[in-house]
Amino acid sequence: MPIEWRVSRAVLLAAALSLASVTTGSAQVAYKPAQGTPKHVVMIFVDGLRADLLDPELAPHIAALGRVGVRFANAEVGFPSDSMPGILGPLTGASPRVTGIPYDEYYDRHYKLAIEITETVTVPPGLKPHDLLRVPTIFDAARAKGLKTAFISKHAGYEILQGPSGHGLDRLELPEMAEWKGPFKEYDAKNFELLTSWIAKDGFDVVGLYAIETNYAMKDNGVAAAETRAAVADVDGQVGRLVDTLVAAGRYDDTVFAVLGDHGDTDTPTGIASKGDGSVVGFLAEKGIKVAKVTADDVMLAWLADSSQAQQAVALLDTPDSKARFGIERILASEELKRMQDFADDQMPDFVLLVKPGVVYTKLPSKKKAEHGGAFDSDRKVAFVMSGPGVQSGIVPEGKVNVFSLGPTVAKLLGTSLPDATAPVLTEALR
């Protein structure tokens, strides 16, 4: 059934034209600075939006929000660079060490269980994904102030966004991406339409959406492919229509916008088996070392059935022959992982393999043209813009920032806080 809109398309267009202008002969859009007070927040997570994809010709609306607000020139996600920590980090202000969620698949020694929170949900009996999250989200903080909250994401496992209380979101929609039969452009469009309805018709205050087309265009075609550029333009067009809706609803001046990547992506022309013959798992099994769980992308996180064998496993893999065979650039053993402080003790791998550029661990033959999860700049450097009331206008901070700071910054703008956040408020971005 079509979604009913509060405002007509004619009113929407007229209001938008009063706010945004398009420069003749170019794709450049110009928005006016917001003049109100921070009452509402819209957060758009763009799956795989690398920093270098924020091109004004590809993404004129997102770039325009950055020009009228703040574009962070050196923004990055944490490690590992996976979607789940790439969204939970900004929403909680905390790293996986604090949230307890290092990836969408991992091993938890406390529960003695391989956890999965994707389209497949594997959690301890009697629990839901949100029970695994150890700290509240910005949605919990917003609801405590009486604000209405909502989010749209891609998998059943994103029930975790309800936060530890299980009630952080008034509305959570999880249309299963794995069951979607059409182009992901249409999947995103449908979700943007729903989000637009929530804002224009239902008056939700703090909302978010996870747009996925860009990431899967890269996985299928490569980072520099025309399909990737088209996907960025598609998402940007949806962002532009969303801004138009806020204008028409009279909410633009009181709304803080954030658009950011949850991770980047790296081209992966070289596939190596993640399991079975020719894999690290098979190699270690031949040496009498059983692996309890591996999480494999352009990185490998490994948990052994017997952690006392970790030193032996690392020694077997840290040889010229093994490195060449398995595409290993560097091995992070347990002591180094502890120093990095990216993992909670119960979820810390026994070792992590950082791969050579271009390598991905996957099912063979590999269909992945690009992947993420690792420590490459191309995995971790992301686009990040903020605009709206209380946000500086027209600045481009050059210093390194982690997108995990989004949550504490939004909380401050709304007059609340995230006490468990470890990332700082982005004071340089605020008026």
Protein backbone atom coordinates (compact mmCIF):
# COMPACT_ATOMS: atom_id res chain seq x y z
CA MET A 1 0.00 0.00 0.00
CA PRO A 2 1.43 3.43 -0.90
CA ILE A 3 2.51 5.56 2.04
CA GLU A 4 0.32 8.60 2.64
CA TRP A 5 2.15 11.93 2.69
CA ARG A 6 1.12 14.84 4.81
CA VAL A 7 2.21 17.37 2.22
CA SER A 8 1.61 17.45 -1.52
CA ARG A 9 4.45 17.08 -4.00
CA ALA A 10 3.78 20.63 -5.20
CA VAL A 11 4.18 22.05 -1.71
CA LEU A 12 7.28 19.91 -1.18
CA LEU A 13 8.89 21.19 -4.36
CA ALA A 14 8.09 24.81 -3.66
CA ALA A 15 9.49 24.63 -0.15
CA ALA A 16 12.61 22.89 -1.31
CA LEU A 17 13.28 25.44 -4.01
CA SER A 18 13.05 28.20 -1.41
CA LEU A 19 15.86 26.58 0.56
CA ALA A 20 18.15 24.86 -1.95
CA SER A 21 19.51 26.18 -5.19
CA VAL A 22 21.34 24.35 -7.96
CA THR A 23 24.20 26.11 -9.70
CA THR A 24 23.63 26.34 -13.44
CA GLY A 25 25.74 23.89 -15.43
CA SER A 26 26.84 21.86 -12.43
CA ALA A 27 25.49 19.41 -9.90
CA GLN A 28 26.26 21.67 -6.95
CA VAL A 29 23.40 22.16 -4.49
CA ALA A 30 23.39 24.93 -1.89
CA TYR A 31 21.43 24.79 1.38
CA LYS A 32 20.86 27.62 3.83
CA PRO A 33 22.20 27.39 7.39
CA ALA A 34 19.61 26.17 9.91
CA GLN A 35 18.26 28.95 12.10
CA GLY A 36 16.48 27.04 14.86
CA THR A 37 17.37 24.98 17.91
CA PRO A 38 18.31 21.27 17.98
CA LYS A 39 15.07 19.37 18.47
CA HIS A 40 15.31 16.57 15.92
CA VAL A 41 18.05 14.36 14.46
CA VAL A 42 18.32 12.43 11.20
CA MET A 43 21.24 9.99 10.86
CA ILE A 44 21.92 8.31 7.53
CA PHE A 45 24.47 5.49 7.57
CA VAL A 46 25.67 4.71 4.06
CA ASP A 47 27.06 1.20 3.78
CA GLY A 48 30.65 1.43 2.52
CA LEU A 49 30.75 5.20 1.95
CA ARG A 50 34.50 5.73 1.66
CA ALA A 51 35.81 9.24 2.15
CA ASP A 52 36.81 9.53 -1.51
CA LEU A 53 33.25 8.80 -2.65
CA LEU A 54 32.02 12.10 -1.21
CA ASP A 55 32.40 13.79 -4.58
CA PRO A 56 30.14 16.83 -5.14
CA GLU A 57 29.44 15.62 -8.67
CA LEU A 58 28.29 12.22 -7.39
CA ALA A 59 26.73 13.34 -4.12
CA PRO A 60 25.70 17.01 -4.45
CA HIS A 61 23.14 16.90 -1.64
CA ILE A 62 25.38 15.23 0.91
CA ALA A 63 28.24 17.54 -0.10
CA ALA A 64 25.91 20.53 0.31
CA LEU A 65 25.05 19.45 3.85
CA GLY A 66 28.78 19.33 4.51
CA ARG A 67 29.27 22.84 3.11
CA VAL A 68 26.45 24.34 5.15
CA GLY A 69 27.65 22.40 8.17
CA VAL A 70 30.85 20.46 8.87
CA ARG A 71 32.67 18.01 6.64
CA PHE A 72 35.23 15.99 8.56
CA ALA A 73 38.19 15.61 6.21
CA ASN A 74 39.88 12.86 8.21
CA ALA A 75 37.09 10.70 9.64
CA GLU A 76 37.56 7.03 10.32
CA VAL A 77 35.81 4.04 11.84
CA GLY A 78 37.38 1.79 14.43
CA PHE A 79 38.92 -1.65 14.03
CA PRO A 80 37.59 -4.09 12.98
CA SER A 81 35.93 -2.11 10.19
CA ASP A 82 32.68 -4.09 10.10
CA SER A 83 29.11 -2.84 9.73
CA MET A 84 27.95 -3.78 13.20
CA PRO A 85 30.62 -1.86 15.18
CA GLY A 86 30.48 0.79 12.43
CA ILE A 87 26.89 1.54 13.41
CA LEU A 88 26.90 0.66 17.12
CA GLY A 89 30.01 2.81 17.69
CA PRO A 90 28.44 6.06 16.45
CA LEU A 91 25.14 5.30 18.18
CA THR A 92 26.75 4.53 21.57
CA GLY A 93 29.95 6.56 21.40
CA ALA A 94 31.87 3.43 22.39
CA SER A 95 34.32 0.97 20.86
CA PRO A 96 33.75 -2.81 20.66
CA ARG A 97 35.78 -3.16 23.85
CA VAL A 98 32.97 -1.33 25.66
CA THR A 99 29.92 -2.40 23.65
CA GLY A 100 30.97 -6.07 23.65
CA ILE A 101 30.17 -6.38 19.92
CA PRO A 102 33.33 -6.59 17.75
CA TYR A 103 31.74 -7.87 14.52
CA ASP A 104 28.45 -9.24 13.21
CA GLU A 105 29.97 -12.71 13.76
CA TYR A 106 32.31 -13.51 16.65
CA TYR A 107 33.03 -15.97 19.42
CA ASP A 108 32.04 -15.16 23.00
CA ARG A 109 33.98 -17.07 25.64
CA HIS A 110 31.58 -16.08 28.42
CA TYR A 111 28.73 -17.82 26.62
CA LYS A 112 30.99 -20.40 24.94
CA LEU A 113 29.13 -19.69 21.73
CA ALA A 114 29.75 -18.45 18.20
CA ILE A 115 27.48 -15.40 18.01
CA GLU A 116 25.87 -14.26 14.77
CA ILE A 117 23.72 -11.14 14.42
CA THR A 118 23.06 -10.89 10.69
CA GLU A 119 20.10 -12.34 8.75
CA THR A 120 20.85 -15.35 10.93
CA VAL A 121 20.57 -14.71 14.65
CA THR A 122 22.55 -17.01 16.94
CA VAL A 123 22.56 -15.81 20.53
CA PRO A 124 22.46 -17.60 23.89
CA PRO A 125 19.16 -19.33 24.71
CA GLY A 126 16.60 -16.96 26.17
CA LEU A 127 18.38 -13.83 24.94
CA LYS A 128 17.83 -11.42 22.08
CA PRO A 129 20.55 -9.46 20.28
CA HIS A 130 19.91 -6.35 22.37
CA ASP A 131 20.78 -8.31 25.52
CA LEU A 132 24.38 -8.55 24.26
CA LEU A 133 24.87 -4.78 24.00
CA ARG A 134 26.46 -3.47 27.18
CA VAL A 135 25.86 0.27 26.90
CA PRO A 136 22.88 2.47 25.94
CA THR A 137 22.45 4.14 22.56
CA ILE A 138 21.54 7.68 21.61
CA PHE A 139 18.00 6.38 21.17
CA ASP A 140 17.84 5.38 24.85
CA ALA A 141 19.01 8.87 25.81
CA ALA A 142 16.50 10.51 23.47
CA ARG A 143 13.56 8.46 24.74
CA ALA A 144 14.49 9.40 28.30
CA LYS A 145 13.87 13.01 27.21
CA GLY A 146 10.47 12.12 25.81
CA LEU A 147 11.56 12.10 22.15
CA LYS A 148 10.19 9.62 19.60
CA THR A 149 12.83 7.36 18.06
CA ALA A 150 12.99 5.13 14.98
CA PHE A 151 15.48 3.28 12.78
CA ILE A 152 15.51 1.14 9.63
CA SER A 153 18.21 -1.47 9.01
CA LYS A 154 18.94 -4.52 6.87
CA HIS A 155 18.95 -7.67 9.01
CA ALA A 156 17.09 -9.29 11.87
CA GLY A 157 20.25 -9.07 13.97
CA TYR A 158 19.91 -5.29 14.08
CA GLU A 159 17.29 -5.80 16.78
CA ILE A 160 20.38 -5.02 18.86
CA LEU A 161 19.69 -1.32 18.19
CA GLN A 162 16.92 -1.50 20.78
CA GLY A 163 19.74 -1.16 23.31
CA PRO A 164 20.19 -2.93 26.64
CA SER A 165 16.71 -1.91 27.79
CA GLY A 166 15.11 -3.55 24.78
CA HIS A 167 13.00 -0.42 24.32
CA GLY A 168 15.33 2.22 22.92
CA LEU A 169 13.35 2.57 19.70
CA ASP A 170 9.67 3.39 19.41
CA ARG A 171 9.80 1.99 15.91
CA LEU A 172 12.33 -0.43 14.43
CA GLU A 173 11.89 -1.82 10.93
CA LEU A 174 14.20 -4.59 9.71
CA PRO A 175 13.26 -5.47 6.12
CA GLU A 176 15.44 -8.51 5.45
CA MET A 177 17.98 -7.67 2.79
CA ALA A 178 18.74 -11.36 2.21
CA GLU A 179 15.13 -11.92 1.11
CA TRP A 180 14.95 -8.88 -1.16
CA LYS A 181 14.46 -9.94 -4.78
CA GLY A 182 14.92 -6.66 -6.63
CA PRO A 183 17.78 -4.16 -7.05
CA PHE A 184 19.14 -2.68 -3.83
CA LYS A 185 18.40 0.75 -5.30
CA GLU A 186 14.72 -0.09 -4.86
CA TYR A 187 15.32 -1.55 -1.39
CA ASP A 188 16.89 1.72 -0.25
CA ALA A 189 14.20 3.81 -1.96
CA LYS A 190 11.46 1.93 -0.13
CA ASN A 191 13.21 2.48 3.20
CA PHE A 192 13.78 6.17 2.54
CA GLU A 193 10.09 6.48 1.69
CA LEU A 194 9.19 4.91 5.02
CA LEU A 195 11.58 7.17 6.90
CA THR A 196 10.14 10.19 5.12
CA SER A 197 6.65 9.14 6.20
CA TRP A 198 7.75 8.80 9.81
CA ILE A 199 9.11 12.33 9.78
CA ALA A 200 6.39 14.09 7.77
CA LYS A 201 3.36 12.19 9.03
CA ASP A 202 4.23 10.68 12.40
CA GLY A 203 6.54 13.34 13.86
CA PHE A 204 9.42 11.12 14.95
CA ASP A 205 12.26 13.11 16.51
CA VAL A 206 15.48 11.05 16.41
CA VAL A 207 15.61 8.73 13.43
CA GLY A 208 18.10 6.79 11.36
CA LEU A 209 18.43 4.62 8.29
CA TYR A 210 21.03 2.23 6.91
CA ALA A 211 21.33 2.60 3.12
CA ILE A 212 23.03 -0.43 1.56
CA GLU A 213 23.23 -0.03 -2.23
CA THR A 214 26.72 1.48 -2.36
CA ASN A 215 28.43 -1.35 -0.48
CA TYR A 216 26.94 -4.09 -2.62
CA ALA A 217 27.71 -2.22 -5.83
CA MET A 218 31.37 -2.25 -4.75
CA LYS A 219 31.27 -5.92 -3.76
CA ASP A 220 29.80 -6.88 -7.11
CA ASN A 221 31.69 -4.49 -9.39
CA GLY A 222 34.66 -2.91 -7.59
CA VAL A 223 35.32 0.42 -5.94
CA ALA A 224 35.93 2.45 -9.10
CA ALA A 225 33.12 0.89 -11.15
CA ALA A 226 30.42 2.94 -12.83
CA GLU A 227 27.86 0.95 -10.84
CA THR A 228 29.44 2.16 -7.61
CA ARG A 229 29.28 5.77 -8.73
CA ALA A 230 25.66 5.31 -9.74
CA ALA A 231 24.86 3.82 -6.34
CA VAL A 232 26.36 6.81 -4.53
CA ALA A 233 24.27 9.11 -6.72
CA ASP A 234 21.14 7.08 -5.94
CA VAL A 235 21.62 7.38 -2.19
CA ASP A 236 22.46 11.06 -2.53
CA GLY A 237 19.22 11.65 -4.42
CA GLN A 238 17.28 10.03 -1.59
CA VAL A 239 19.05 12.25 0.94
CA GLY A 240 18.07 15.28 -1.13
CA ARG A 241 14.41 14.24 -1.15
CA LEU A 242 14.56 13.66 2.60
CA VAL A 243 15.86 17.20 3.14
CA ASP A 244 13.04 18.48 0.93
CA THR A 245 10.54 16.69 3.16
CA LEU A 246 11.94 18.31 6.28
CA VAL A 247 11.68 21.71 4.65
CA ALA A 248 8.07 21.10 3.65
CA ALA A 249 7.23 19.86 7.14
CA GLY A 250 8.77 23.00 8.69
CA ARG A 251 11.43 20.99 10.51
CA TYR A 252 14.60 21.79 8.61
CA ASP A 253 15.73 24.61 10.90
CA ASP A 254 15.38 22.42 14.02
CA THR A 255 16.94 19.22 12.61
CA VAL A 256 20.52 18.03 12.96
CA PHE A 257 21.66 15.94 9.99
CA ALA A 258 24.47 13.39 9.98
CA VAL A 259 25.51 11.37 6.94
CA LEU A 260 28.39 8.94 7.35
CA GLY A 261 29.92 5.69 6.19
CA ASP A 262 29.88 2.72 8.55
CA HIS A 263 33.13 1.53 6.93
CA GLY A 264 34.92 1.78 3.61
CA ASP A 265 35.75 -0.97 1.12
CA THR A 266 38.92 -2.24 -0.53
CA ASP A 267 39.25 -3.88 -3.94
CA THR A 268 39.90 -7.62 -3.48
CA PRO A 269 41.07 -9.31 -6.70
CA THR A 270 42.70 -12.23 -4.83
CA GLY A 271 40.43 -14.73 -3.12
CA ILE A 272 41.75 -17.28 -0.60
CA ALA A 273 39.54 -19.97 0.94
CA SER A 274 38.16 -19.02 4.33
CA LYS A 275 37.43 -22.63 5.30
CA GLY A 276 38.18 -26.13 4.06
CA ASP A 277 40.95 -27.10 1.66
CA GLY A 278 43.59 -24.43 1.15
CA SER A 279 42.44 -22.37 4.13
CA VAL A 280 44.09 -21.28 7.36
CA VAL A 281 41.49 -23.35 9.22
CA GLY A 282 42.40 -26.48 7.26
CA PHE A 283 46.12 -25.85 7.62
CA LEU A 284 45.91 -25.52 11.39
CA ALA A 285 43.68 -28.58 11.65
CA GLU A 286 46.40 -30.61 9.91
CA LYS A 287 48.76 -29.50 12.70
CA GLY A 288 46.32 -30.55 15.43
CA ILE A 289 44.97 -27.07 16.16
CA LYS A 290 41.17 -26.81 16.07
CA VAL A 291 39.58 -23.45 15.29
CA ALA A 292 36.35 -22.71 17.16
CA LYS A 293 35.41 -19.73 14.99
CA VAL A 294 36.84 -17.56 12.24
CA THR A 295 35.38 -14.33 10.97
CA ALA A 296 36.80 -13.78 7.51
CA ASP A 297 36.68 -10.81 5.12
CA ASP A 298 39.77 -8.77 4.14
CA VAL A 299 40.87 -9.70 7.63
CA MET A 300 40.65 -12.88 9.66
CA LEU A 301 39.69 -13.01 13.33
CA ALA A 302 40.39 -16.44 14.80
CA TRP A 303 39.29 -18.03 18.06
CA LEU A 304 40.81 -21.42 18.89
CA ALA A 305 39.08 -24.25 20.69
CA ASP A 306 42.13 -24.29 22.97
CA SER A 307 43.62 -20.84 23.45
CA SER A 308 46.78 -22.34 24.90
CA GLN A 309 47.66 -23.30 21.30
CA ALA A 310 47.58 -19.69 20.09
CA GLN A 311 51.35 -19.18 20.24
CA GLN A 312 51.88 -22.38 18.26
CA ALA A 313 49.33 -21.31 15.65
CA VAL A 314 50.93 -17.90 15.22
CA ALA A 315 54.37 -19.48 14.84
CA LEU A 316 53.05 -21.78 12.08
CA LEU A 317 51.47 -18.89 10.21
CA ASP A 318 54.26 -16.35 10.72
CA THR A 319 56.65 -17.92 8.20
CA PRO A 320 57.47 -16.74 4.67
CA ASP A 321 55.79 -19.78 3.13
CA SER A 322 52.58 -19.46 5.16
CA LYS A 323 52.39 -15.71 4.62
CA ALA A 324 52.69 -16.14 0.88
CA ARG A 325 50.22 -19.02 0.79
CA PHE A 326 47.55 -17.28 2.83
CA GLY A 327 48.12 -13.66 1.78
CA ILE A 328 49.20 -12.55 5.24
CA GLU A 329 50.81 -9.17 5.73
CA ARG A 330 50.96 -9.17 9.51
CA ILE A 331 49.72 -11.21 12.47
CA LEU A 332 48.29 -9.58 15.58
CA ALA A 333 48.80 -11.96 18.48
CA SER A 334 47.04 -11.78 21.82
CA GLU A 335 49.42 -9.39 23.59
CA GLU A 336 49.26 -6.86 20.78
CA LEU A 337 45.48 -7.18 20.61
CA LYS A 338 45.30 -6.40 24.32
CA ARG A 339 47.42 -3.28 23.84
CA MET A 340 45.21 -2.10 20.99
CA GLN A 341 42.17 -2.20 23.31
CA ASP A 342 39.72 -2.83 20.48
CA PHE A 343 38.19 -5.99 21.95
CA ALA A 344 36.55 -6.89 25.24
CA ASP A 345 38.24 -9.79 27.02
CA ASP A 346 35.40 -12.26 26.39
CA GLN A 347 35.40 -11.58 22.64
CA MET A 348 39.12 -11.10 22.01
CA PRO A 349 40.43 -13.33 19.20
CA ASP A 350 43.44 -15.54 19.79
CA PHE A 351 45.00 -13.88 16.77
CA VAL A 352 44.08 -11.63 13.86
CA LEU A 353 45.47 -11.89 10.33
CA LEU A 354 45.94 -8.61 8.45
CA VAL A 355 46.06 -9.41 4.76
CA LYS A 356 48.17 -8.17 1.89
CA PRO A 357 46.42 -5.53 -0.26
CA GLY A 358 43.85 -7.14 -2.53
CA VAL A 359 43.32 -10.34 -0.54
CA VAL A 360 39.95 -11.53 0.74
CA TYR A 361 39.13 -14.71 2.65
CA THR A 362 35.93 -16.13 1.20
CA LYS A 363 34.23 -19.09 -0.42
CA LEU A 364 35.94 -19.98 -3.69
CA PRO A 365 35.66 -19.12 -6.47
CA SER A 366 35.45 -15.61 -5.09
CA LYS A 367 32.70 -13.32 -6.35
CA LYS A 368 33.80 -10.42 -4.18
CA LYS A 369 35.30 -7.50 -6.06
CA ALA A 370 35.63 -5.51 -2.81
CA GLU A 371 35.38 -6.15 0.91
CA HIS A 372 36.00 -4.55 4.31
CA GLY A 373 36.70 -5.48 7.92
CA GLY A 374 40.45 -4.89 7.95
CA ALA A 375 42.85 -2.13 8.89
CA PHE A 376 43.48 -0.56 5.47
CA ASP A 377 42.81 3.17 5.17
CA SER A 378 40.41 2.25 2.37
CA ASP A 379 38.43 0.18 4.90
CA ARG A 380 38.53 2.75 7.69
CA LYS A 381 38.48 6.23 6.11
CA VAL A 382 34.87 7.28 5.62
CA ALA A 383 32.74 10.22 4.61
CA PHE A 384 31.21 12.11 7.56
CA VAL A 385 29.19 15.32 7.48
CA MET A 386 27.00 17.06 10.03
CA SER A 387 24.77 20.09 9.69
CA GLY A 388 21.90 21.82 11.44
CA PRO A 389 21.21 23.99 14.46
CA GLY A 390 24.08 24.13 16.93
CA VAL A 391 26.53 22.90 14.29
CA GLN A 392 29.22 25.11 12.80
CA SER A 393 28.72 26.21 9.22
CA GLY A 394 31.26 25.92 6.42
CA ILE A 395 34.20 24.37 8.25
CA VAL A 396 36.37 21.39 7.32
CA PRO A 397 38.33 20.11 10.34
CA GLU A 398 41.54 18.42 9.18
CA GLY A 399 42.29 16.55 12.40
CA LYS A 400 41.55 12.85 12.75
CA VAL A 401 38.14 12.05 14.22
CA ASN A 402 36.39 8.77 14.88
CA VAL A 403 32.76 8.52 13.81
CA PHE A 404 32.07 7.00 17.23
CA SER A 405 31.93 10.64 18.39
CA LEU A 406 28.61 11.11 16.61
CA GLY A 407 26.54 9.78 19.52
CA PRO A 408 28.05 11.96 22.26
CA THR A 409 27.89 14.99 19.95
CA VAL A 410 24.23 14.45 19.11
CA ALA A 411 23.50 13.87 22.78
CA LYS A 412 25.06 17.20 23.70
CA LEU A 413 23.05 19.00 21.02
CA LEU A 414 19.86 17.47 22.41
CA GLY A 415 20.76 18.43 25.98
CA THR A 416 21.43 14.90 27.19
CA SER A 417 24.47 12.61 27.43
CA LEU A 418 25.85 9.12 26.91
CA PRO A 419 27.71 8.44 30.18
CA ASP A 420 29.30 5.21 28.91
CA ALA A 421 30.71 6.78 25.76
CA THR A 422 34.46 6.65 25.33
CA ALA A 423 34.63 8.86 22.23
CA PRO A 424 34.74 12.64 22.82
CA VAL A 425 32.14 15.21 21.84
CA LEU A 426 33.17 16.92 18.58
CA THR A 427 33.38 20.35 20.19
CA GLU A 428 35.15 21.80 17.16
CA ALA A 429 32.01 21.14 15.15
CA LEU A 430 29.64 22.95 17.51
CA ARG A 431 28.71 26.60 17.72
